Amino acid sequence: MNILMAAGGKPETWPDLENYDLFIGIDRGALYLSASGFPLSLAIGDFDSLTPEEFAHVRIQAETVIQAPPEKDDTDTQLALMEALKRYPEAAIDLIGATGGRLDHLLANLWLVLEPRFQPYAANIRLLDRQNSIRFYLPGSYQISHEQGMSYLAYCCLTPVKNLTLQGSKYLLNNKDVPQPTSYASNEFVTETACFSFDEGVIAVIQSRD
């Protein structure tokens, strides 16, 4: 199952959307999804960014609405991700509207996969916007494919990483220990695939365009 989750970032930041089985709107993202003509399977959040009229519209359009109190420990995105994984633990989840605007929201969303409750599902989660595609990886060996239109490749160590090896890209590494979070940015594919491996840590692989 493929799920699209839309946070509150404006639709102008969205990538071209693929086919999805379910659409989940997070707070204002629910309004944006509905206004863009997508079927709203679930709307979740405190909805403090919506006017009463906008929230009434979301209630009519959504199959299910889960409203949380404004004062809570989790962000709306965390709540939505927990709900999606509880219902569909095997699903592939694309999150849009989560990388533009406020930097505190960007960091919260980028660090989601570091939380113990989400880390086992890291490979299921992808962050997307018009310029970037971000996938997350736990220790192992991987081959990745060049996504159409993306010029740059980055290996971003979100944690200390051990024994990082990069192969098949313009810039290579061999069994390197990375003691602190580090972005190996502005790399490039030299063919349509590249390979990497590491033994400990969490890595975000970002493909992007200017």
Protein backbone atom coordinates (compact mmCIF):
# COMPACT_ATOMS: atom_id res chain seq x y z
CA MET A 1 0.00 0.00 0.00
CA ASN A 2 1.20 3.51 -0.88
CA ILE A 3 0.14 6.37 1.38
CA LEU A 4 0.52 10.10 0.78
CA MET A 5 0.64 12.28 3.89
CA ALA A 6 0.41 16.05 3.36
CA ALA A 7 1.58 18.41 6.10
CA GLY A 8 0.93 22.15 6.09
CA GLY A 9 3.50 23.30 3.54
CA LYS A 10 1.95 25.09 0.57
CA PRO A 11 1.04 23.05 -2.52
CA GLU A 12 3.52 25.10 -4.58
CA THR A 13 6.26 23.14 -2.79
CA TRP A 14 4.73 19.74 -3.65
CA PRO A 15 6.34 17.44 -6.21
CA ASP A 16 4.38 15.94 -9.07
CA LEU A 17 2.25 13.36 -7.32
CA GLU A 18 2.13 9.67 -8.16
CA ASN A 19 -0.76 7.27 -7.64
CA TYR A 20 -1.56 6.53 -4.00
CA ASP A 21 -3.97 4.20 -2.26
CA LEU A 22 -4.67 6.55 0.66
CA PHE A 23 -4.41 10.28 1.28
CA ILE A 24 -3.87 11.61 4.80
CA GLY A 25 -4.06 15.33 5.54
CA ILE A 26 -2.17 16.73 8.50
CA ASP A 27 -3.76 19.89 9.90
CA ARG A 28 -3.79 22.46 7.06
CA GLY A 29 -2.50 19.78 4.71
CA ALA A 30 -5.98 18.22 4.86
CA LEU A 31 -7.47 21.41 3.42
CA TYR A 32 -4.79 21.57 0.73
CA LEU A 33 -5.39 17.96 -0.32
CA SER A 34 -9.13 18.45 -0.53
CA ALA A 35 -8.80 21.72 -2.46
CA SER A 36 -6.44 19.99 -4.91
CA GLY A 37 -9.06 17.36 -5.68
CA PHE A 38 -7.61 14.37 -3.82
CA PRO A 39 -9.87 12.03 -1.80
CA LEU A 40 -9.23 12.64 1.88
CA SER A 41 -9.08 9.31 3.69
CA LEU A 42 -7.99 10.71 7.05
CA ALA A 43 -7.55 14.21 8.47
CA ILE A 44 -5.55 14.49 11.67
CA GLY A 45 -4.14 17.30 13.82
CA ASP A 46 -5.23 20.02 16.19
CA PHE A 47 -6.40 22.11 13.20
CA ASP A 48 -5.40 25.34 14.91
CA SER A 49 -4.25 26.72 11.55
CA LEU A 50 -7.76 26.47 10.05
CA THR A 51 -10.67 28.85 10.38
CA PRO A 52 -13.96 27.35 11.62
CA GLU A 53 -15.25 27.43 8.05
CA GLU A 54 -12.17 25.65 6.71
CA PHE A 55 -12.36 23.00 9.41
CA ALA A 56 -16.05 22.45 8.63
CA HIS A 57 -15.07 21.85 5.01
CA VAL A 58 -12.43 19.30 6.04
CA ARG A 59 -14.96 17.50 8.26
CA ILE A 60 -17.30 17.13 5.29
CA GLN A 61 -14.62 15.95 2.87
CA ALA A 62 -12.68 13.53 5.10
CA GLU A 63 -13.78 9.96 5.64
CA THR A 64 -12.29 10.10 9.17
CA VAL A 65 -11.22 13.07 11.31
CA ILE A 66 -9.01 12.77 14.38
CA GLN A 67 -8.74 16.06 16.27
CA ALA A 68 -6.02 16.44 18.90
CA PRO A 69 -5.77 19.15 21.57
CA PRO A 70 -3.48 22.08 20.65
CA GLU A 71 -1.32 21.52 23.75
CA LYS A 72 0.27 18.09 23.29
CA ASP A 73 3.64 16.40 23.38
CA ASP A 74 3.65 15.24 19.76
CA THR A 75 3.55 17.35 16.63
CA ASP A 76 0.65 16.85 14.26
CA THR A 77 3.01 15.04 11.89
CA GLN A 78 4.13 12.65 14.62
CA LEU A 79 0.50 11.91 15.45
CA ALA A 80 -0.32 11.28 11.80
CA LEU A 81 2.67 9.01 11.28
CA MET A 82 1.82 6.98 14.38
CA GLU A 83 -1.77 6.57 13.20
CA ALA A 84 -0.71 5.56 9.69
CA LEU A 85 1.79 2.99 10.96
CA LYS A 86 -0.72 1.61 13.47
CA ARG A 87 -3.24 1.02 10.70
CA TYR A 88 -0.87 0.09 7.87
CA PRO A 89 2.53 -0.97 9.27
CA GLU A 90 3.74 -2.35 5.94
CA ALA A 91 2.82 0.71 3.88
CA ALA A 92 5.20 2.95 1.95
CA ILE A 93 4.60 6.50 3.19
CA ASP A 94 5.46 9.67 1.26
CA LEU A 95 5.34 12.88 3.28
CA ILE A 96 4.94 16.20 1.46
CA GLY A 97 4.47 19.75 2.75
CA ALA A 98 6.99 18.98 5.50
CA THR A 99 10.26 20.54 4.32
CA GLY A 100 9.51 24.20 3.60
CA GLY A 101 8.70 27.11 5.87
CA ARG A 102 9.70 26.96 9.52
CA LEU A 103 13.09 25.44 10.30
CA ASP A 104 11.90 23.91 13.58
CA HIS A 105 9.28 21.94 11.64
CA LEU A 106 11.85 20.90 9.05
CA LEU A 107 14.20 19.53 11.71
CA ALA A 108 11.38 17.80 13.56
CA ASN A 109 10.33 16.04 10.37
CA LEU A 110 13.89 15.17 9.30
CA TRP A 111 14.59 13.65 12.72
CA LEU A 112 11.38 11.60 12.87
CA VAL A 113 13.18 8.38 11.97
CA LEU A 114 15.60 8.78 14.89
CA GLU A 115 12.80 8.18 17.36
CA PRO A 116 12.73 4.55 18.60
CA ARG A 117 9.02 4.22 17.76
CA PHE A 118 9.61 5.22 14.11
CA GLN A 119 13.12 3.93 13.46
CA PRO A 120 12.05 0.36 12.55
CA TYR A 121 9.96 1.90 9.75
CA ALA A 122 12.70 4.20 8.41
CA ALA A 123 12.85 2.44 5.06
CA ASN A 124 9.09 2.95 4.59
CA ILE A 125 9.25 6.74 4.89
CA ARG A 126 10.16 9.26 2.20
CA LEU A 127 10.09 13.07 2.38
CA LEU A 128 9.35 14.84 -0.89
CA ASP A 129 9.16 18.35 -2.24
CA ARG A 130 9.59 19.95 -5.64
CA GLN A 131 13.40 19.89 -5.34
CA ASN A 132 14.23 16.98 -3.05
CA SER A 133 13.61 13.30 -2.43
CA ILE A 134 14.78 12.04 0.97
CA ARG A 135 14.96 8.37 1.91
CA PHE A 136 16.19 6.90 5.19
CA TYR A 137 18.43 3.91 5.79
CA LEU A 138 19.44 1.74 8.72
CA PRO A 139 22.71 -0.25 8.71
CA GLY A 140 23.18 -2.53 5.73
CA SER A 141 24.24 -2.61 2.07
CA TYR A 142 22.13 -0.85 -0.54
CA GLN A 143 21.87 -0.07 -4.24
CA ILE A 144 19.96 3.09 -5.12
CA SER A 145 18.64 4.31 -8.46
CA HIS A 146 18.95 7.74 -9.99
CA GLU A 147 15.58 9.49 -9.84
CA GLN A 148 14.57 11.30 -13.00
CA GLY A 149 15.44 15.00 -13.03
CA MET A 150 17.60 14.90 -9.92
CA SER A 151 21.11 16.29 -10.42
CA TYR A 152 22.68 15.83 -7.02
CA LEU A 153 23.16 13.04 -4.53
CA ALA A 154 23.92 13.47 -0.83
CA TYR A 155 24.62 10.99 1.95
CA CYS A 156 23.60 12.70 5.18
CA CYS A 157 24.68 10.96 8.37
CA LEU A 158 21.95 11.88 10.86
CA THR A 159 23.93 10.19 13.65
CA PRO A 160 27.51 8.99 14.05
CA VAL A 161 28.06 6.30 11.42
CA LYS A 162 30.56 3.47 11.33
CA ASN A 163 32.26 1.91 8.32
CA LEU A 164 30.63 4.02 5.62
CA THR A 165 31.50 2.99 2.06
CA LEU A 166 30.28 4.83 -1.06
CA GLN A 167 30.60 3.18 -4.46
CA GLY A 168 29.39 3.97 -7.96
CA SER A 169 29.11 7.74 -7.40
CA LYS A 170 31.43 10.60 -8.37
CA TYR A 171 32.98 10.86 -4.90
CA LEU A 172 33.83 7.69 -3.01
CA LEU A 173 34.49 6.63 0.57
CA ASN A 174 35.93 3.41 1.91
CA ASN A 175 35.14 2.11 5.40
CA LYS A 176 35.05 5.57 6.96
CA ASP A 177 33.89 6.18 10.53
CA VAL A 178 31.88 9.42 10.81
CA PRO A 179 31.95 10.64 14.44
CA GLN A 180 29.26 13.32 14.20
CA PRO A 181 26.27 14.16 11.97
CA THR A 182 27.73 15.03 8.57
CA SER A 183 26.33 15.72 5.10
CA TYR A 184 28.40 14.38 2.22
CA ALA A 185 26.71 16.76 -0.18
CA SER A 186 26.92 17.53 -3.90
CA ASN A 187 27.81 14.01 -4.94
CA GLU A 188 26.55 12.72 -8.29
CA PHE A 189 25.57 9.48 -9.99
CA VAL A 190 28.00 8.34 -12.67
CA THR A 191 25.62 5.64 -13.93
CA GLU A 192 21.96 5.01 -13.16
CA THR A 193 22.76 3.29 -9.86
CA ALA A 194 25.09 3.76 -6.90
CA CYS A 195 25.88 1.62 -3.87
CA PHE A 196 26.64 2.30 -0.22
CA SER A 197 26.99 0.39 3.02
CA PHE A 198 27.50 1.10 6.71
CA ASP A 199 27.50 -0.81 9.99
CA GLU A 200 25.99 1.58 12.57
CA GLY A 201 23.86 4.73 12.52
CA VAL A 202 21.10 6.27 10.41
CA ILE A 203 21.60 7.87 6.99
CA ALA A 204 19.34 10.08 4.89
CA VAL A 205 20.03 9.81 1.17
CA ILE A 206 18.92 12.97 -0.63
CA GLN A 207 18.49 13.35 -4.36
CA SER A 208 17.90 16.96 -5.36
CA ARG A 209 17.78 19.51 -8.15
CA ASP A 210 18.47 23.25 -8.16
